[in-house]
Structures are given as C-alpha cells and as structure tokens.
Amino acid sequence: MKAEAAWLGDARGLVKIDTVDSYQGKENRIVIVSTVRNHPDGSPGFLRSPNRVNVAMSRAMERLFVVGSTRMWRGKNAALPLGRVLSKIEEMTLDGKASVLPATQFWED
C-alpha cells in the first residue's frame, strides 16, 4: 500500500488508506469515505449493502467527509442506504451541522 500513496510524501505515516470491508471494528478521528460511483444506469452495485454503508459511515470519531455524486443517490436510489445518508446530510445542512459542496467549486474553468 505504501507505493500506492507515494504522493503523500512524509505525511504517508499520518494517513491510512483502506477498504470498507477491512475497516470493520476500527475507527479514526477523521474519515474520508469515497462513494464516487456514478454508473450511467444508476446501478449502486455493492453500495446497495446497508452493512457496508453502516461501517463506512460509523468509523469517524470527530469528522466524516463523504465524497460522492448527489445525482446518483437521488431519484430511484433515494431509498437505498446512501440515498438516506444524503437526505440526512441535506437535513443537517439546514441546521448548519453539515455542508454539501459541488465538485465545480474545486476547479477552475
């Protein structure tokens, strides 16, 4: 795994990169969960599993960052676990407890 994150340089020892399946029973202060799945037909694949989503969302002790496609988790996938997570995040946004940031905010045209 070390060679795969060579871009981290000296910070490599501060970052743990792992899969949801291998992370069960572990936790960290800050967790970044990548749910970047935007299948053309809207298929959620393994992200349909409530157990996997539960593990992914419950490993952060202080901060949880979820990266993904809001378009993927609305509409026909809204009732799936990540669709419900998105709904909760949007609800928390109204209370100032969460933020939804568009990807376009992070690049220049």
PDB file of N, CA and C in Angstrom:
ATOM      1  N   MET A   1       0.830  -1.192   0.000  1.00  0.00           N
ATOM      2  CA  MET A   1       0.000   0.000   0.000  1.00  0.00           C
ATOM      3  C   MET A   1       0.873   1.253   0.000  1.00  0.00           C
ATOM      4  N   LYS A   2       2.053   1.206   0.565  1.00  0.00           N
ATOM      5  CA  LYS A   2       2.913   2.374   0.678  1.00  0.00           C
ATOM      6  C   LYS A   2       3.226   2.979  -0.688  1.00  0.00           C
ATOM      7  N   ALA A   3       3.543   2.152  -1.674  1.00  0.00           N
ATOM      8  CA  ALA A   3       3.872   2.655  -3.001  1.00  0.00           C
ATOM      9  C   ALA A   3       2.673   3.340  -3.657  1.00  0.00           C
ATOM     10  N   GLU A   4       1.464   2.867  -3.354  1.00  0.00           N
ATOM     11  CA  GLU A   4       0.269   3.442  -3.952  1.00  0.00           C
ATOM     12  C   GLU A   4       0.003   4.861  -3.483  1.00  0.00           C
ATOM     13  N   ALA A   5       0.502   5.251  -2.323  1.00  0.00           N
ATOM     14  CA  ALA A   5       0.270   6.595  -1.790  1.00  0.00           C
ATOM     15  C   ALA A   5       1.577   7.377  -1.699  1.00  0.00           C
ATOM     16  N   ALA A   6       2.484   7.132  -2.615  1.00  0.00           N
ATOM     17  CA  ALA A   6       3.778   7.823  -2.600  1.00  0.00           C
ATOM     18  C   ALA A   6       3.613   9.340  -2.689  1.00  0.00           C
ATOM     19  N   TRP A   7       2.547   9.804  -3.315  1.00  0.00           N
ATOM     20  CA  TRP A   7       2.296  11.231  -3.464  1.00  0.00           C
ATOM     21  C   TRP A   7       2.130  11.941  -2.116  1.00  0.00           C
ATOM     22  N   LEU A   8       1.883  11.195  -1.046  1.00  0.00           N
ATOM     23  CA  LEU A   8       1.733  11.801   0.274  1.00  0.00           C
ATOM     24  C   LEU A   8       3.062  12.226   0.893  1.00  0.00           C
ATOM     25  N   GLY A   9       4.151  11.700   0.362  1.00  0.00           N
ATOM     26  CA  GLY A   9       5.465  12.057   0.893  1.00  0.00           C
ATOM     27  C   GLY A   9       5.601  11.722   2.359  1.00  0.00           C
ATOM     28  N   ASP A  10       6.120  12.665   3.146  1.00  0.00           N
ATOM     29  CA  ASP A  10       6.333  12.450   4.580  1.00  0.00           C
ATOM     30  C   ASP A  10       5.028  12.280   5.366  1.00  0.00           C
ATOM     31  N   ALA A  11       3.918  12.724   4.811  1.00  0.00           N
ATOM     32  CA  ALA A  11       2.623  12.612   5.502  1.00  0.00           C
ATOM     33  C   ALA A  11       2.046  11.197   5.404  1.00  0.00           C
ATOM     34  N   ARG A  12       2.687  10.309   4.656  1.00  0.00           N
ATOM     35  CA  ARG A  12       2.168   8.953   4.457  1.00  0.00           C
ATOM     36  C   ARG A  12       1.904   8.239   5.779  1.00  0.00           C
ATOM     37  N   GLY A  13       2.728   8.459   6.787  1.00  0.00           N
ATOM     38  CA  GLY A  13       2.547   7.815   8.081  1.00  0.00           C
ATOM     39  C   GLY A  13       1.334   8.327   8.845  1.00  0.00           C
ATOM     40  N   LEU A  14       0.785   9.454   8.421  1.00  0.00           N
ATOM     41  CA  LEU A  14      -0.368  10.044   9.102  1.00  0.00           C
ATOM     42  C   LEU A  14      -1.699   9.624   8.482  1.00  0.00           C
ATOM     43  N   VAL A  15      -1.645   8.987   7.318  1.00  0.00           N
ATOM     44  CA  VAL A  15      -2.849   8.656   6.566  1.00  0.00           C
ATOM     45  C   VAL A  15      -2.966   7.151   6.405  1.00  0.00           C
ATOM     46  N   LYS A  16      -4.158   6.636   6.631  1.00  0.00           N
ATOM     47  CA  LYS A  16      -4.427   5.210   6.425  1.00  0.00           C
ATOM     48  C   LYS A  16      -5.447   5.095   5.307  1.00  0.00           C
ATOM     49  N   ILE A  17      -5.099   4.341   4.285  1.00  0.00           N
ATOM     50  CA  ILE A  17      -5.998   4.121   3.158  1.00  0.00           C
ATOM     51  C   ILE A  17      -6.417   2.661   3.200  1.00  0.00           C
ATOM     52  N   ASP A  18      -7.733   2.436   3.224  1.00  0.00           N
ATOM     53  CA  ASP A  18      -8.220   1.075   3.383  1.00  0.00           C
ATOM     54  C   ASP A  18      -9.580   0.923   2.721  1.00  0.00           C
ATOM     55  N   THR A  19     -10.060  -0.301   2.632  1.00  0.00           N
ATOM     56  CA  THR A  19     -11.382  -0.578   2.089  1.00  0.00           C
ATOM     57  C   THR A  19     -12.386  -0.654   3.235  1.00  0.00           C
ATOM     58  N   VAL A  20     -13.647  -0.483   2.912  1.00  0.00           N
ATOM     59  CA  VAL A  20     -14.699  -0.582   3.927  1.00  0.00           C
ATOM     60  C   VAL A  20     -14.671  -1.966   4.570  1.00  0.00           C
ATOM     61  N   ASP A  21     -14.525  -2.999   3.750  1.00  0.00           N
ATOM     62  CA  ASP A  21     -14.559  -4.363   4.273  1.00  0.00           C
ATOM     63  C   ASP A  21     -13.453  -4.637   5.281  1.00  0.00           C
ATOM     64  N   SER A  22     -12.285  -4.027   5.108  1.00  0.00           N
ATOM     65  CA  SER A  22     -11.184  -4.279   6.041  1.00  0.00           C
ATOM     66  C   SER A  22     -11.197  -3.314   7.225  1.00  0.00           C
ATOM     67  N   TYR A  23     -12.136  -2.386   7.235  1.00  0.00           N
ATOM     68  CA  TYR A  23     -12.160  -1.358   8.268  1.00  0.00           C
ATOM     69  C   TYR A  23     -13.122  -1.659   9.414  1.00  0.00           C
ATOM     70  N   GLN A  24     -13.860  -2.744   9.322  1.00  0.00           N
ATOM     71  CA  GLN A  24     -14.826  -3.092  10.360  1.00  0.00           C
ATOM     72  C   GLN A  24     -14.114  -3.273  11.701  1.00  0.00           C
ATOM     73  N   GLY A  25     -14.639  -2.635  12.741  1.00  0.00           N
ATOM     74  CA  GLY A  25     -14.056  -2.726  14.074  1.00  0.00           C
ATOM     75  C   GLY A  25     -12.980  -1.696  14.339  1.00  0.00           C
ATOM     76  N   LYS A  26     -12.635  -0.885  13.354  1.00  0.00           N
ATOM     77  CA  LYS A  26     -11.610   0.154  13.511  1.00  0.00           C
ATOM     78  C   LYS A  26     -12.281   1.523  13.463  1.00  0.00           C
ATOM     79  N   GLU A  27     -11.568   2.544  13.933  1.00  0.00           N
ATOM     80  CA  GLU A  27     -12.054   3.913  13.802  1.00  0.00           C
ATOM     81  C   GLU A  27     -10.871   4.869  13.771  1.00  0.00           C
ATOM     82  N   ASN A  28     -11.120   6.080  13.308  1.00  0.00           N
ATOM     83  CA  ASN A  28     -10.129   7.146  13.270  1.00  0.00           C
ATOM     84  C   ASN A  28     -10.809   8.470  13.569  1.00  0.00           C
ATOM     85  N   ARG A  29     -10.010   9.453  13.938  1.00  0.00           N
ATOM     86  CA  ARG A  29     -10.552  10.769  14.265  1.00  0.00           C
ATOM     87  C   ARG A  29     -11.241  11.394  13.055  1.00  0.00           C
ATOM     88  N   ILE A  30     -10.597  11.325  11.906  1.00  0.00           N
ATOM     89  CA  ILE A  30     -11.140  11.896  10.675  1.00  0.00           C
ATOM     90  C   ILE A  30     -11.189  10.791   9.632  1.00  0.00           C
ATOM     91  N   VAL A  31     -12.339  10.639   8.991  1.00  0.00           N
ATOM     92  CA  VAL A  31     -12.505   9.624   7.955  1.00  0.00           C
ATOM     93  C   VAL A  31     -13.047  10.297   6.699  1.00  0.00           C
ATOM     94  N   ILE A  32     -12.446   9.963   5.569  1.00  0.00           N
ATOM     95  CA  ILE A  32     -12.935  10.408   4.263  1.00  0.00           C
ATOM     96  C   ILE A  32     -13.430   9.165   3.544  1.00  0.00           C
ATOM     97  N   VAL A  33     -14.710   9.136   3.228  1.00  0.00           N
ATOM     98  CA  VAL A  33     -15.312   7.997   2.546  1.00  0.00           C
ATOM     99  C   VAL A  33     -15.580   8.401   1.102  1.00  0.00           C
ATOM    100  N   SER A  34     -15.007   7.666   0.181  1.00  0.00           N
ATOM    101  CA  SER A  34     -15.247   7.914  -1.235  1.00  0.00           C
ATOM    102  C   SER A  34     -16.344   6.981  -1.721  1.00  0.00           C
ATOM    103  N   THR A  35     -17.469   7.570  -2.092  1.00  0.00           N
ATOM    104  CA  THR A  35     -18.578   6.796  -2.661  1.00  0.00           C
ATOM    105  C   THR A  35     -18.740   7.190  -4.117  1.00  0.00           C
ATOM    106  N   VAL A  36     -17.628   7.529  -4.732  1.00  0.00           N
ATOM    107  CA  VAL A  36     -17.670   8.034  -6.095  1.00  0.00           C
ATOM    108  C   VAL A  36     -18.051   6.900  -7.036  1.00  0.00           C
ATOM    109  N   ARG A  37     -19.339   6.772  -7.196  1.00  0.00           N
ATOM    110  CA  ARG A  37     -19.912   5.800  -8.125  1.00  0.00           C
ATOM    111  C   ARG A  37     -21.023   6.551  -8.837  1.00  0.00           C
ATOM    112  N   ASN A  38     -20.899   6.666 -10.121  1.00  0.00           N
ATOM    113  CA  ASN A  38     -21.884   7.398 -10.900  1.00  0.00           C
ATOM    114  C   ASN A  38     -22.154   6.603 -12.170  1.00  0.00           C
ATOM    115  N   HIS A  39     -22.624   5.379 -11.969  1.00  0.00           N
ATOM    116  CA  HIS A  39     -22.875   4.458 -13.069  1.00  0.00           C
ATOM    117  C   HIS A  39     -23.931   5.049 -13.993  1.00  0.00           C
ATOM    118  N   PRO A  40     -23.731   4.959 -15.313  1.00  0.00           N
ATOM    119  CA  PRO A  40     -24.684   5.558 -16.261  1.00  0.00           C
ATOM    120  C   PRO A  40     -26.131   5.106 -16.065  1.00  0.00           C
ATOM    121  N   ASP A  41     -26.339   3.843 -15.669  1.00  0.00           N
ATOM    122  CA  ASP A  41     -27.717   3.388 -15.474  1.00  0.00           C
ATOM    123  C   ASP A  41     -28.187   3.535 -14.032  1.00  0.00           C
ATOM    124  N   GLY A  42     -27.369   4.158 -13.180  1.00  0.00           N
ATOM    125  CA  GLY A  42     -27.759   4.395 -11.793  1.00  0.00           C
ATOM    126  C   GLY A  42     -27.621   3.188 -10.895  1.00  0.00           C
ATOM    127  N   SER A  43     -26.902   2.175 -11.340  1.00  0.00           N
ATOM    128  CA  SER A  43     -26.726   0.953 -10.545  1.00  0.00           C
ATOM    129  C   SER A  43     -25.807   1.214  -9.352  1.00  0.00           C
ATOM    130  N   PRO A  44     -26.277   0.926  -8.130  1.00  0.00           N
ATOM    131  CA  PRO A  44     -25.469   1.199  -6.942  1.00  0.00           C
ATOM    132  C   PRO A  44     -24.411   0.141  -6.642  1.00  0.00           C
ATOM    133  N   GLY A  45     -24.478  -1.012  -7.300  1.00  0.00           N
ATOM    134  CA  GLY A  45     -23.501  -2.069  -7.066  1.00  0.00           C
ATOM    135  C   GLY A  45     -23.413  -2.447  -5.595  1.00  0.00           C
ATOM    136  N   PHE A  46     -22.191  -2.627  -5.088  1.00  0.00           N
ATOM    137  CA  PHE A  46     -22.006  -3.046  -3.699  1.00  0.00           C
ATOM    138  C   PHE A  46     -22.461  -1.991  -2.699  1.00  0.00           C
ATOM    139  N   LEU A  47     -22.682  -0.758  -3.154  1.00  0.00           N
ATOM    140  CA  LEU A  47     -23.131   0.309  -2.250  1.00  0.00           C
ATOM    141  C   LEU A  47     -24.615   0.160  -1.892  1.00  0.00           C
ATOM    142  N   ARG A  48     -25.249  -0.889  -2.384  1.00  0.00           N
ATOM    143  CA  ARG A  48     -26.621  -1.211  -2.011  1.00  0.00           C
ATOM    144  C   ARG A  48     -26.662  -1.832  -0.612  1.00  0.00           C
ATOM    145  N   SER A  49     -25.522  -2.352  -0.143  1.00  0.00           N
ATOM    146  CA  SER A  49     -25.448  -3.092   1.116  1.00  0.00           C
ATOM    147  C   SER A  49     -25.514  -2.175   2.336  1.00  0.00           C
ATOM    148  N   PRO A  50     -26.558  -2.302   3.158  1.00  0.00           N
ATOM    149  CA  PRO A  50     -26.668  -1.484   4.373  1.00  0.00           C
ATOM    150  C   PRO A  50     -25.495  -1.716   5.334  1.00  0.00           C
ATOM    151  N   ASN A  51     -24.997  -2.949   5.414  1.00  0.00           N
ATOM    152  CA  ASN A  51     -23.880  -3.235   6.320  1.00  0.00           C
ATOM    153  C   ASN A  51     -22.622  -2.478   5.923  1.00  0.00           C
ATOM    154  N   ARG A  52     -22.309  -2.458   4.638  1.00  0.00           N
ATOM    155  CA  ARG A  52     -21.118  -1.744   4.172  1.00  0.00           C
ATOM    156  C   ARG A  52     -21.253  -0.238   4.408  1.00  0.00           C
ATOM    157  N   VAL A  53     -22.411   0.291   4.116  1.00  0.00           N
ATOM    158  CA  VAL A  53     -22.635   1.732   4.315  1.00  0.00           C
ATOM    159  C   VAL A  53     -22.554   2.065   5.802  1.00  0.00           C
ATOM    160  N   ASN A  54     -23.111   1.216   6.652  1.00  0.00           N
ATOM    161  CA  ASN A  54     -23.042   1.438   8.093  1.00  0.00           C
ATOM    162  C   ASN A  54     -21.589   1.475   8.574  1.00  0.00           C
ATOM    163  N   VAL A  55     -20.788   0.520   8.142  1.00  0.00           N
ATOM    164  CA  VAL A  55     -19.372   0.503   8.539  1.00  0.00           C
ATOM    165  C   VAL A  55     -18.689   1.778   8.057  1.00  0.00           C
ATOM    166  N   ALA A  56     -18.912   2.144   6.800  1.00  0.00           N
ATOM    167  CA  ALA A  56     -18.261   3.332   6.239  1.00  0.00           C
ATOM    168  C   ALA A  56     -18.627   4.606   6.990  1.00  0.00           C
ATOM    169  N   MET A  57     -19.902   4.735   7.365  1.00  0.00           N
ATOM    170  CA  MET A  57     -20.373   5.965   7.992  1.00  0.00           C
ATOM    171  C   MET A  57     -20.122   6.031   9.492  1.00  0.00           C
ATOM    172  N   SER A  58     -19.733   4.945  10.095  1.00  0.00           N
ATOM    173  CA  SER A  58     -19.624   4.936  11.567  1.00  0.00           C
ATOM    174  C   SER A  58     -18.197   4.806  12.089  1.00  0.00           C
ATOM    175  N   ARG A  59     -17.194   5.043  11.269  1.00  0.00           N
ATOM    176  CA  ARG A  59     -15.805   4.880  11.700  1.00  0.00           C
ATOM    177  C   ARG A  59     -15.136   6.172  12.147  1.00  0.00           C
ATOM    178  N   ALA A  60     -15.772   7.314  11.927  1.00  0.00           N
ATOM    179  CA  ALA A  60     -15.185   8.606  12.288  1.00  0.00           C
ATOM    180  C   ALA A  60     -15.511   8.966  13.733  1.00  0.00           C
ATOM    181  N   MET A  61     -14.490   9.397  14.470  1.00  0.00           N
ATOM    182  CA  MET A  61     -14.688   9.815  15.857  1.00  0.00           C
ATOM    183  C   MET A  61     -15.015  11.301  15.940  1.00  0.00           C
ATOM    184  N   GLU A  62     -14.461  12.119  15.028  1.00  0.00           N
ATOM    185  CA  GLU A  62     -14.679  13.575  15.085  1.00  0.00           C
ATOM    186  C   GLU A  62     -15.280  14.160  13.813  1.00  0.00           C
ATOM    187  N   ARG A  63     -14.751  13.778  12.661  1.00  0.00           N
ATOM    188  CA  ARG A  63     -15.208  14.362  11.394  1.00  0.00           C
ATOM    189  C   ARG A  63     -15.362  13.262  10.353  1.00  0.00           C
ATOM    190  N   LEU A  64     -16.443  13.380   9.576  1.00  0.00           N
ATOM    191  CA  LEU A  64     -16.696  12.459   8.479  1.00  0.00           C
ATOM    192  C   LEU A  64     -16.894  13.274   7.212  1.00  0.00           C
ATOM    193  N   PHE A  65     -16.111  12.957   6.189  1.00  0.00           N
ATOM    194  CA  PHE A  65     -16.246  13.581   4.882  1.00  0.00           C
ATOM    195  C   PHE A  65     -16.716  12.496   3.918  1.00  0.00           C
ATOM    196  N   VAL A  66     -17.814  12.748   3.223  1.00  0.00           N
ATOM    197  CA  VAL A  66     -18.335  11.800   2.251  1.00  0.00           C
ATOM    198  C   VAL A  66     -18.215  12.447   0.876  1.00  0.00           C
ATOM    199  N   VAL A  67     -17.506  11.784  -0.022  1.00  0.00           N
ATOM    200  CA  VAL A  67     -17.317  12.282  -1.383  1.00  0.00           C
ATOM    201  C   VAL A  67     -18.134  11.396  -2.306  1.00  0.00           C
ATOM    202  N   GLY A  68     -19.017  12.003  -3.086  1.00  0.00           N
ATOM    203  CA  GLY A  68     -19.836  11.197  -3.976  1.00  0.00           C
ATOM    204  C   GLY A  68     -20.711  12.048  -4.866  1.00  0.00           C
ATOM    205  N   SER A  69     -21.519  11.389  -5.661  1.00  0.00           N
ATOM    206  CA  SER A  69     -22.414  12.034  -6.610  1.00  0.00           C
ATOM    207  C   SER A  69     -23.813  12.144  -6.005  1.00  0.00           C
ATOM    208  N   THR A  70     -24.257  13.365  -5.750  1.00  0.00           N
ATOM    209  CA  THR A  70     -25.615  13.524  -5.211  1.00  0.00           C
ATOM    210  C   THR A  70     -26.651  13.045  -6.230  1.00  0.00           C
ATOM    211  N   ARG A  71     -26.366  13.220  -7.507  1.00  0.00           N
ATOM    212  CA  ARG A  71     -27.288  12.776  -8.557  1.00  0.00           C
ATOM    213  C   ARG A  71     -27.524  11.264  -8.469  1.00  0.00           C
ATOM    214  N   MET A  72     -26.475  10.521  -8.129  1.00  0.00           N
ATOM    215  CA  MET A  72     -26.567   9.061  -8.044  1.00  0.00           C
ATOM    216  C   MET A  72     -27.504   8.615  -6.914  1.00  0.00           C
ATOM    217  N   TRP A  73     -27.573   9.395  -5.834  1.00  0.00           N
ATOM    218  CA  TRP A  73     -28.300   8.949  -4.631  1.00  0.00           C
ATOM    219  C   TRP A  73     -29.636   9.639  -4.447  1.00  0.00           C
ATOM    220  N   ARG A  74     -30.128  10.274  -5.493  1.00  0.00           N
ATOM    221  CA  ARG A  74     -31.487  10.821  -5.506  1.00  0.00           C
ATOM    222  C   ARG A  74     -32.326   9.973  -6.437  1.00  0.00           C
ATOM    223  N   GLY A  75     -33.582  10.269  -6.569  1.00  0.00           N
ATOM    224  CA  GLY A  75     -34.438   9.546  -7.509  1.00  0.00           C
ATOM    225  C   GLY A  75     -34.581   8.080  -7.143  1.00  0.00           C
ATOM    226  N   LYS A  76     -34.266   7.203  -8.101  1.00  0.00           N
ATOM    227  CA  LYS A  76     -34.526   5.775  -7.887  1.00  0.00           C
ATOM    228  C   LYS A  76     -33.670   5.158  -6.782  1.00  0.00           C
ATOM    229  N   ASN A  77     -32.565   5.797  -6.398  1.00  0.00           N
ATOM    230  CA  ASN A  77     -31.702   5.271  -5.337  1.00  0.00           C
ATOM    231  C   ASN A  77     -31.889   5.980  -3.991  1.00  0.00           C
ATOM    232  N   ALA A  78     -32.860   6.858  -3.909  1.00  0.00           N
ATOM    233  CA  ALA A  78     -33.068   7.647  -2.686  1.00  0.00           C
ATOM    234  C   ALA A  78     -33.403   6.787  -1.472  1.00  0.00           C
ATOM    235  N   ALA A  79     -34.051   5.653  -1.682  1.00  0.00           N
ATOM    236  CA  ALA A  79     -34.434   4.792  -0.552  1.00  0.00           C
ATOM    237  C   ALA A  79     -33.313   3.847  -0.119  1.00  0.00           C
ATOM    238  N   LEU A  80     -32.244   3.771  -0.909  1.00  0.00           N
ATOM    239  CA  LEU A  80     -31.105   2.924  -0.551  1.00  0.00           C
ATOM    240  C   LEU A  80     -30.308   3.583   0.572  1.00  0.00           C
ATOM    241  N   PRO A  81     -29.426   2.837   1.234  1.00  0.00           N
ATOM    242  CA  PRO A  81     -28.687   3.393   2.372  1.00  0.00           C
ATOM    243  C   PRO A  81     -27.985   4.726   2.085  1.00  0.00           C
ATOM    244  N   LEU A  82     -27.265   4.831   0.968  1.00  0.00           N
ATOM    245  CA  LEU A  82     -26.578   6.105   0.696  1.00  0.00           C
ATOM    246  C   LEU A  82     -27.547   7.210   0.292  1.00  0.00           C
ATOM    247  N   GLY A  83     -28.681   6.858  -0.270  1.00  0.00           N
ATOM    248  CA  GLY A  83     -29.724   7.854  -0.537  1.00  0.00           C
ATOM    249  C   GLY A  83     -30.243   8.439   0.765  1.00  0.00           C
ATOM    250  N   ARG A  84     -30.421   7.586   1.765  1.00  0.00           N
ATOM    251  CA  ARG A  84     -30.871   8.056   3.085  1.00  0.00           C
ATOM    252  C   ARG A  84     -29.779   8.873   3.771  1.00  0.00           C
ATOM    253  N   VAL A  85     -28.523   8.485   3.568  1.00  0.00           N
ATOM    254  CA  VAL A  85     -27.403   9.274   4.123  1.00  0.00           C
ATOM    255  C   VAL A  85     -27.421  10.669   3.502  1.00  0.00           C
ATOM    256  N   LEU A  86     -27.575  10.750   2.187  1.00  0.00           N
ATOM    257  CA  LEU A  86     -27.626  12.051   1.518  1.00  0.00           C
ATOM    258  C   LEU A  86     -28.777  12.894   2.066  1.00  0.00           C
ATOM    259  N   SER A  87     -29.942  12.294   2.248  1.00  0.00           N
ATOM    260  CA  SER A  87     -31.086  13.034   2.807  1.00  0.00           C
ATOM    261  C   SER A  87     -30.762  13.574   4.191  1.00  0.00           C
ATOM    262  N   LYS A  88     -30.113  12.764   5.016  1.00  0.00           N
ATOM    263  CA  LYS A  88     -29.738  13.192   6.368  1.00  0.00           C
ATOM    264  C   LYS A  88     -28.721  14.331   6.309  1.00  0.00           C
ATOM    265  N   ILE A  89     -27.745  14.230   5.425  1.00  0.00           N
ATOM    266  CA  ILE A  89     -26.741  15.294   5.282  1.00  0.00           C
ATOM    267  C   ILE A  89     -27.422  16.588   4.850  1.00  0.00           C
ATOM    268  N   GLU A  90     -28.344  16.505   3.897  1.00  0.00           N
ATOM    269  CA  GLU A  90     -29.048  17.712   3.449  1.00  0.00           C
ATOM    270  C   GLU A  90     -29.899  18.300   4.575  1.00  0.00           C
ATOM    271  N   GLU A  91     -30.508  17.455   5.388  1.00  0.00           N
ATOM    272  CA  GLU A  91     -31.264  17.918   6.557  1.00  0.00           C
ATOM    273  C   GLU A  91     -30.330  18.615   7.553  1.00  0.00           C
ATOM    274  N   MET A  92     -29.168  18.027   7.790  1.00  0.00           N
ATOM    275  CA  MET A  92     -28.182  18.610   8.711  1.00  0.00           C
ATOM    276  C   MET A  92     -27.632  19.927   8.178  1.00  0.00           C
ATOM    277  N   THR A  93     -27.595  20.069   6.861  1.00  0.00           N
ATOM    278  CA  THR A  93     -27.130  21.312   6.237  1.00  0.00           C
ATOM    279  C   THR A  93     -28.044  22.472   6.625  1.00  0.00           C
ATOM    280  N   LEU A  94     -29.339  22.208   6.692  1.00  0.00           N
ATOM    281  CA  LEU A  94     -30.305  23.243   7.071  1.00  0.00           C
ATOM    282  C   LEU A  94     -30.071  23.741   8.494  1.00  0.00           C
ATOM    283  N   ASP A  95     -29.539  22.870   9.348  1.00  0.00           N
ATOM    284  CA  ASP A  95     -29.242  23.226  10.737  1.00  0.00           C
ATOM    285  C   ASP A  95     -27.808  23.733  10.915  1.00  0.00           C
ATOM    286  N   GLY A  96     -27.055  23.839   9.818  1.00  0.00           N
ATOM    287  CA  GLY A  96     -25.669  24.304   9.893  1.00  0.00           C
ATOM    288  C   GLY A  96     -24.706  23.265  10.451  1.00  0.00           C
ATOM    289  N   LYS A  97     -25.090  22.002  10.442  1.00  0.00           N
ATOM    290  CA  LYS A  97     -24.252  20.942  11.002  1.00  0.00           C
ATOM    291  C   LYS A  97     -23.520  20.141   9.931  1.00  0.00           C
ATOM    292  N   ALA A  98     -23.775  20.439   8.657  1.00  0.00           N
ATOM    293  CA  ALA A  98     -23.133  19.734   7.546  1.00  0.00           C
ATOM    294  C   ALA A  98     -23.101  20.661   6.346  1.00  0.00           C
ATOM    295  N   SER A  99     -22.354  20.275   5.337  1.00  0.00           N
ATOM    296  CA  SER A  99     -22.280  21.043   4.090  1.00  0.00           C
ATOM    297  C   SER A  99     -22.276  20.097   2.909  1.00  0.00           C
ATOM    298  N   VAL A 100     -22.906  20.512   1.839  1.00  0.00           N
ATOM    299  CA  VAL A 100     -22.837  19.807   0.566  1.00  0.00           C
ATOM    300  C   VAL A 100     -22.147  20.769  -0.388  1.00  0.00           C
ATOM    301  N   LEU A 101     -20.990  20.361  -0.870  1.00  0.00           N
ATOM    302  CA  LEU A 101     -20.195  21.222  -1.753  1.00  0.00           C
ATOM    303  C   LEU A 101     -20.156  20.654  -3.160  1.00  0.00           C
ATOM    304  N   PRO A 102     -20.451  21.471  -4.170  1.00  0.00           N
ATOM    305  CA  PRO A 102     -20.396  20.978  -5.550  1.00  0.00           C
ATOM    306  C   PRO A 102     -18.945  20.792  -5.982  1.00  0.00           C
ATOM    307  N   ALA A 103     -18.699  19.781  -6.777  1.00  0.00           N
ATOM    308  CA  ALA A 103     -17.343  19.495  -7.256  1.00  0.00           C
ATOM    309  C   ALA A 103     -16.786  20.674  -8.057  1.00  0.00           C
ATOM    310  N   THR A 104     -17.666  21.410  -8.730  1.00  0.00           N
ATOM    311  CA  THR A 104     -17.205  22.539  -9.549  1.00  0.00           C
ATOM    312  C   THR A 104     -16.534  23.616  -8.708  1.00  0.00           C
ATOM    313  N   GLN A 105     -16.752  23.593  -7.419  1.00  0.00           N
ATOM    314  CA  GLN A 105     -16.123  24.563  -6.518  1.00  0.00           C
ATOM    315  C   GLN A 105     -14.610  24.350  -6.438  1.00  0.00           C
ATOM    316  N   PHE A 106     -14.136  23.165  -6.842  1.00  0.00           N
ATOM    317  CA  PHE A 106     -12.742  22.809  -6.650  1.00  0.00           C
ATOM    318  C   PHE A 106     -11.912  22.840  -7.927  1.00  0.00           C
ATOM    319  N   TRP A 107     -12.458  23.366  -9.010  1.00  0.00           N
ATOM    320  CA  TRP A 107     -11.642  23.522 -10.205  1.00  0.00           C
ATOM    321  C   TRP A 107     -11.978  24.812 -10.901  1.00  0.00           C
ATOM    322  N   GLU A 108     -11.036  25.253 -11.723  1.00  0.00           N
ATOM    323  CA  GLU A 108     -11.220  26.491 -12.476  1.00  0.00           C
ATOM    324  C   GLU A 108     -11.525  26.160 -13.918  1.00  0.00           C
ATOM    325  N   ASP A 109     -12.360  26.995 -14.547  1.00  0.00           N
ATOM    326  CA  ASP A 109     -12.676  26.794 -15.985  1.00  0.00           C
ATOM    327  C   ASP A 109     -11.632  27.428 -16.849  1.00  0.00           C
TER     328      ASP A 109
END
